[in-house]
Amino acid sequence: MTLCTHVYSDSSLVAELRSSLQDITQPESGSLHYNMDKISKKPLLLSLYAETLRYGVQIHIPRCSPQQPLEIGKGVIQPDKLILINTALAHTDEEVWNTRDGQYPLDTFWGRRFLVDPLDPQSGPLKPSSAAYEYMKEQMRDKDSSITGEQFTVQGLEGIWIPYGGK
């Protein structure tokens, strides 16, 4: 519902999404079938879904180490003690997430946040000044240098984007 609410509140986004999905149907024996392989590779649709999980899903993840101490950064969690990890803190970390110089704050939905445009150094989910930004760009270059236009990525987001509660 969050995805639909945000997509339909922007008529230009609706038009762009519809246009990008025009080639997904396969007419078979008089009925309409959708090519799920094509749908699953649409960068804009993937970015919208990923942004929905970043923006609209904040949960507390319980963790416990029943047998031995758990070292997290400079802290130590004693055995059999429960901790809660709040995904909202990671999903709104202004040190790493791209806001396009404040144009798209982290408390707003930006459907293109997970798209990287090779011609736009301000694109992508990571802030260009973040430590993981160059890693993300390198991974995108290595993926396929012949790809042009916007591409969906979650490269470099390990530990700051926790869409399904982590492992």
C-alpha atoms as a PDB file:
ATOM      1  CA  MET A   1       0.000   0.000   0.000  1.00  0.00           C
ATOM      2  CA  THR A   2       2.892   2.353   0.770  1.00  0.00           C
ATOM      3  CA  LEU A   3       4.301   1.779  -2.710  1.00  0.00           C
ATOM      4  CA  CYS A   4       0.949   2.435  -4.407  1.00  0.00           C
ATOM      5  CA  THR A   5       0.332   5.558  -2.328  1.00  0.00           C
ATOM      6  CA  HIS A   6       3.651   7.098  -3.320  1.00  0.00           C
ATOM      7  CA  VAL A   7       3.569   6.050  -6.959  1.00  0.00           C
ATOM      8  CA  TYR A   8       0.043   7.322  -7.542  1.00  0.00           C
ATOM      9  CA  SER A   9       0.753  10.633  -5.811  1.00  0.00           C
ATOM     10  CA  ASP A  10       3.150  11.518  -8.655  1.00  0.00           C
ATOM     11  CA  SER A  11       1.473  11.427 -12.082  1.00  0.00           C
ATOM     12  CA  SER A  12       4.797  11.702 -13.951  1.00  0.00           C
ATOM     13  CA  LEU A  13       6.096   8.660 -12.043  1.00  0.00           C
ATOM     14  CA  VAL A  14       2.947   6.709 -12.921  1.00  0.00           C
ATOM     15  CA  ALA A  15       3.410   7.567 -16.600  1.00  0.00           C
ATOM     16  CA  GLU A  16       7.103   6.630 -16.537  1.00  0.00           C
ATOM     17  CA  LEU A  17       6.410   3.335 -14.767  1.00  0.00           C
ATOM     18  CA  ARG A  18       3.616   2.434 -17.183  1.00  0.00           C
ATOM     19  CA  SER A  19       5.863   3.244 -20.121  1.00  0.00           C
ATOM     20  CA  SER A  20       8.692   1.087 -18.759  1.00  0.00           C
ATOM     21  CA  LEU A  21       6.302  -1.848 -18.264  1.00  0.00           C
ATOM     22  CA  GLN A  22       4.763  -1.834 -21.748  1.00  0.00           C
ATOM     23  CA  ASP A  23       6.840  -4.798 -22.952  1.00  0.00           C
ATOM     24  CA  ILE A  24       5.945  -7.187 -20.123  1.00  0.00           C
ATOM     25  CA  THR A  25       2.770  -8.703 -21.530  1.00  0.00           C
ATOM     26  CA  GLN A  26       2.618 -11.882 -23.552  1.00  0.00           C
ATOM     27  CA  PRO A  27      -0.696 -12.454 -25.311  1.00  0.00           C
ATOM     28  CA  GLU A  28      -1.350 -16.176 -25.213  1.00  0.00           C
ATOM     29  CA  SER A  29      -4.486 -17.868 -26.486  1.00  0.00           C
ATOM     30  CA  GLY A  30      -6.684 -14.842 -26.057  1.00  0.00           C
ATOM     31  CA  SER A  31      -5.735 -14.098 -22.444  1.00  0.00           C
ATOM     32  CA  LEU A  32      -3.172 -11.733 -20.996  1.00  0.00           C
ATOM     33  CA  HIS A  33      -0.020 -13.152 -19.386  1.00  0.00           C
ATOM     34  CA  TYR A  34       2.813 -11.230 -17.779  1.00  0.00           C
ATOM     35  CA  ASN A  35       6.469 -12.000 -18.356  1.00  0.00           C
ATOM     36  CA  MET A  36       7.733 -12.142 -14.766  1.00  0.00           C
ATOM     37  CA  ASP A  37      11.348 -12.382 -15.902  1.00  0.00           C
ATOM     38  CA  LYS A  38      11.032  -8.994 -17.627  1.00  0.00           C
ATOM     39  CA  ILE A  39       9.148  -7.469 -14.692  1.00  0.00           C
ATOM     40  CA  SER A  40      11.852  -8.587 -12.263  1.00  0.00           C
ATOM     41  CA  LYS A  41      14.511  -6.695 -14.242  1.00  0.00           C
ATOM     42  CA  LYS A  42      12.870  -3.251 -14.452  1.00  0.00           C
ATOM     43  CA  PRO A  43      15.223  -0.822 -12.666  1.00  0.00           C
ATOM     44  CA  LEU A  44      12.555   1.746 -11.765  1.00  0.00           C
ATOM     45  CA  LEU A  45      10.198  -0.881 -10.349  1.00  0.00           C
ATOM     46  CA  LEU A  46      13.036  -2.451  -8.330  1.00  0.00           C
ATOM     47  CA  SER A  47      14.038   0.952  -6.971  1.00  0.00           C
ATOM     48  CA  LEU A  48      10.461   1.774  -5.985  1.00  0.00           C
ATOM     49  CA  TYR A  49      10.199  -1.519  -4.127  1.00  0.00           C
ATOM     50  CA  ALA A  50      13.570  -1.063  -2.382  1.00  0.00           C
ATOM     51  CA  GLU A  51      12.690   2.496  -1.345  1.00  0.00           C
ATOM     52  CA  THR A  52       9.388   1.229   0.046  1.00  0.00           C
ATOM     53  CA  LEU A  53      11.332  -1.194   2.242  1.00  0.00           C
ATOM     54  CA  ARG A  54      13.749   1.563   3.330  1.00  0.00           C
ATOM     55  CA  TYR A  55      11.132   4.237   3.935  1.00  0.00           C
ATOM     56  CA  GLY A  56       8.049   2.321   5.004  1.00  0.00           C
ATOM     57  CA  VAL A  57       9.326  -0.658   6.991  1.00  0.00           C
ATOM     58  CA  GLN A  58      10.934   0.027  10.351  1.00  0.00           C
ATOM     59  CA  ILE A  59      11.199  -2.874  12.741  1.00  0.00           C
ATOM     60  CA  HIS A  60      13.081  -3.942  15.851  1.00  0.00           C
ATOM     61  CA  ILE A  61      15.240  -7.001  15.282  1.00  0.00           C
ATOM     62  CA  PRO A  62      15.900  -9.061  18.423  1.00  0.00           C
ATOM     63  CA  ARG A  63      19.334 -10.653  18.794  1.00  0.00           C
ATOM     64  CA  CYS A  64      20.874 -12.747  21.536  1.00  0.00           C
ATOM     65  CA  SER A  65      24.063 -14.755  21.901  1.00  0.00           C
ATOM     66  CA  PRO A  66      23.153 -17.512  24.353  1.00  0.00           C
ATOM     67  CA  GLN A  67      26.623 -19.041  24.812  1.00  0.00           C
ATOM     68  CA  GLN A  68      29.321 -16.398  24.408  1.00  0.00           C
ATOM     69  CA  PRO A  69      29.800 -12.616  24.503  1.00  0.00           C
ATOM     70  CA  LEU A  70      28.889 -10.767  21.320  1.00  0.00           C
ATOM     71  CA  GLU A  71      31.247  -7.985  20.216  1.00  0.00           C
ATOM     72  CA  ILE A  72      29.595  -5.124  18.329  1.00  0.00           C
ATOM     73  CA  GLY A  73      31.944  -2.300  17.454  1.00  0.00           C
ATOM     74  CA  LYS A  74      33.589  -1.274  20.732  1.00  0.00           C
ATOM     75  CA  GLY A  75      30.805  -2.768  22.861  1.00  0.00           C
ATOM     76  CA  VAL A  76      30.292  -6.244  24.265  1.00  0.00           C
ATOM     77  CA  ILE A  77      26.886  -7.837  24.811  1.00  0.00           C
ATOM     78  CA  GLN A  78      27.050 -10.422  27.568  1.00  0.00           C
ATOM     79  CA  PRO A  79      25.774 -13.968  26.929  1.00  0.00           C
ATOM     80  CA  ASP A  80      22.025 -14.512  27.147  1.00  0.00           C
ATOM     81  CA  LYS A  81      21.220 -10.761  27.031  1.00  0.00           C
ATOM     82  CA  LEU A  82      18.668  -9.572  24.493  1.00  0.00           C
ATOM     83  CA  ILE A  83      19.366  -6.567  22.274  1.00  0.00           C
ATOM     84  CA  LEU A  84      17.041  -4.870  19.780  1.00  0.00           C
ATOM     85  CA  ILE A  85      18.300  -3.390  16.523  1.00  0.00           C
ATOM     86  CA  ASN A  86      16.100  -0.605  15.151  1.00  0.00           C
ATOM     87  CA  THR A  87      16.200  -0.571  11.343  1.00  0.00           C
ATOM     88  CA  ALA A  88      14.923   3.022  11.236  1.00  0.00           C
ATOM     89  CA  LEU A  89      18.288   4.221  12.569  1.00  0.00           C
ATOM     90  CA  ALA A  90      20.172   2.528   9.729  1.00  0.00           C
ATOM     91  CA  HIS A  91      17.592   3.499   7.090  1.00  0.00           C
ATOM     92  CA  THR A  92      17.844   7.187   7.986  1.00  0.00           C
ATOM     93  CA  ASP A  93      21.590   7.573   8.518  1.00  0.00           C
ATOM     94  CA  GLU A  94      22.437  10.868   6.840  1.00  0.00           C
ATOM     95  CA  GLU A  95      26.145  10.024   6.823  1.00  0.00           C
ATOM     96  CA  VAL A  96      25.675   7.322   4.178  1.00  0.00           C
ATOM     97  CA  TRP A  97      22.316   7.694   2.385  1.00  0.00           C
ATOM     98  CA  ASN A  98      22.041   9.933  -0.671  1.00  0.00           C
ATOM     99  CA  THR A  99      19.595  12.813  -0.312  1.00  0.00           C
ATOM    100  CA  ARG A 100      20.796  14.584  -3.439  1.00  0.00           C
ATOM    101  CA  ASP A 101      22.123  17.479  -1.341  1.00  0.00           C
ATOM    102  CA  GLY A 102      18.939  17.653   0.739  1.00  0.00           C
ATOM    103  CA  GLN A 103      16.520  17.562  -2.186  1.00  0.00           C
ATOM    104  CA  TYR A 104      15.171  14.162  -1.039  1.00  0.00           C
ATOM    105  CA  PRO A 105      15.460  13.958   2.777  1.00  0.00           C
ATOM    106  CA  LEU A 106      15.471  10.507   4.334  1.00  0.00           C
ATOM    107  CA  ASP A 107      12.074  11.072   5.935  1.00  0.00           C
ATOM    108  CA  THR A 108      10.559  11.325   2.447  1.00  0.00           C
ATOM    109  CA  PHE A 109       9.949   8.732  -0.248  1.00  0.00           C
ATOM    110  CA  TRP A 110      12.267   9.035  -3.282  1.00  0.00           C
ATOM    111  CA  GLY A 111      11.479   6.293  -5.770  1.00  0.00           C
ATOM    112  CA  ARG A 112      14.748   6.729  -7.685  1.00  0.00           C
ATOM    113  CA  ARG A 113      17.012   6.469  -4.623  1.00  0.00           C
ATOM    114  CA  PHE A 114      18.333   3.017  -5.652  1.00  0.00           C
ATOM    115  CA  LEU A 115      19.060   3.950  -9.286  1.00  0.00           C
ATOM    116  CA  VAL A 116      22.571   4.730 -10.507  1.00  0.00           C
ATOM    117  CA  ASP A 117      22.974   6.728 -13.687  1.00  0.00           C
ATOM    118  CA  PRO A 118      26.534   6.509 -15.065  1.00  0.00           C
ATOM    119  CA  LEU A 119      26.194  10.090 -16.332  1.00  0.00           C
ATOM    120  CA  ASP A 120      25.000  11.491 -12.976  1.00  0.00           C
ATOM    121  CA  PRO A 121      27.503  11.448 -10.081  1.00  0.00           C
ATOM    122  CA  GLN A 122      24.693  12.499  -7.690  1.00  0.00           C
ATOM    123  CA  SER A 123      22.635   9.354  -8.401  1.00  0.00           C
ATOM    124  CA  GLY A 124      22.441   6.157  -6.395  1.00  0.00           C
ATOM    125  CA  PRO A 125      21.522   5.201  -2.856  1.00  0.00           C
ATOM    126  CA  LEU A 126      24.818   6.223  -1.258  1.00  0.00           C
ATOM    127  CA  LYS A 127      25.942   9.748  -0.510  1.00  0.00           C
ATOM    128  CA  PRO A 128      28.888  10.542  -2.815  1.00  0.00           C
ATOM    129  CA  SER A 129      31.016  11.451   0.228  1.00  0.00           C
ATOM    130  CA  SER A 130      30.329   8.137   2.028  1.00  0.00           C
ATOM    131  CA  ALA A 131      33.036   5.494   2.407  1.00  0.00           C
ATOM    132  CA  ALA A 132      31.035   2.857   0.504  1.00  0.00           C
ATOM    133  CA  TYR A 133      30.296   5.101  -2.522  1.00  0.00           C
ATOM    134  CA  GLU A 134      33.427   4.246  -4.495  1.00  0.00           C
ATOM    135  CA  TYR A 135      32.894   0.541  -3.787  1.00  0.00           C
ATOM    136  CA  MET A 136      29.348   0.818  -5.165  1.00  0.00           C
ATOM    137  CA  LYS A 137      30.555   2.592  -8.317  1.00  0.00           C
ATOM    138  CA  GLU A 138      33.312   0.009  -8.828  1.00  0.00           C
ATOM    139  CA  GLN A 139      30.865  -2.876  -8.450  1.00  0.00           C
ATOM    140  CA  MET A 140      28.514  -1.241 -10.954  1.00  0.00           C
ATOM    141  CA  ARG A 141      31.366  -0.809 -13.467  1.00  0.00           C
ATOM    142  CA  ASP A 142      32.460  -4.428 -13.010  1.00  0.00           C
ATOM    143  CA  LYS A 143      28.894  -5.709 -13.376  1.00  0.00           C
ATOM    144  CA  ASP A 144      28.627  -4.830 -17.056  1.00  0.00           C
ATOM    145  CA  SER A 145      30.400  -1.889 -18.630  1.00  0.00           C
ATOM    146  CA  SER A 146      28.176  -2.036 -21.724  1.00  0.00           C
ATOM    147  CA  ILE A 147      25.019  -1.136 -19.776  1.00  0.00           C
ATOM    148  CA  THR A 148      23.804   2.397 -20.364  1.00  0.00           C
ATOM    149  CA  GLY A 149      21.091   4.322 -18.564  1.00  0.00           C
ATOM    150  CA  GLU A 150      19.901   3.959 -14.998  1.00  0.00           C
ATOM    151  CA  GLN A 151      20.569   0.699 -13.186  1.00  0.00           C
ATOM    152  CA  PHE A 152      19.174  -0.587  -9.906  1.00  0.00           C
ATOM    153  CA  THR A 153      21.724  -1.349  -7.183  1.00  0.00           C
ATOM    154  CA  VAL A 154      22.016  -2.330  -3.539  1.00  0.00           C
ATOM    155  CA  GLN A 155      25.827  -2.497  -3.743  1.00  0.00           C
ATOM    156  CA  GLY A 156      27.538  -1.027  -0.691  1.00  0.00           C
ATOM    157  CA  LEU A 157      24.384  -1.060   1.442  1.00  0.00           C
ATOM    158  CA  GLU A 158      25.325  -4.023   3.636  1.00  0.00           C
ATOM    159  CA  GLY A 159      24.462  -3.154   7.225  1.00  0.00           C
ATOM    160  CA  ILE A 160      22.625   0.088   6.441  1.00  0.00           C
ATOM    161  CA  TRP A 161      19.723  -1.296   4.399  1.00  0.00           C
ATOM    162  CA  ILE A 162      18.023  -4.090   6.307  1.00  0.00           C
ATOM    163  CA  PRO A 163      14.894  -4.742   4.240  1.00  0.00           C
ATOM    164  CA  TYR A 164      13.769  -8.048   5.716  1.00  0.00           C
ATOM    165  CA  GLY A 165      15.297  -7.932   9.173  1.00  0.00           C
ATOM    166  CA  GLY A 166      18.779  -9.212   8.312  1.00  0.00           C
ATOM    167  CA  LYS A 167      20.170 -12.657   8.985  1.00  0.00           C
END
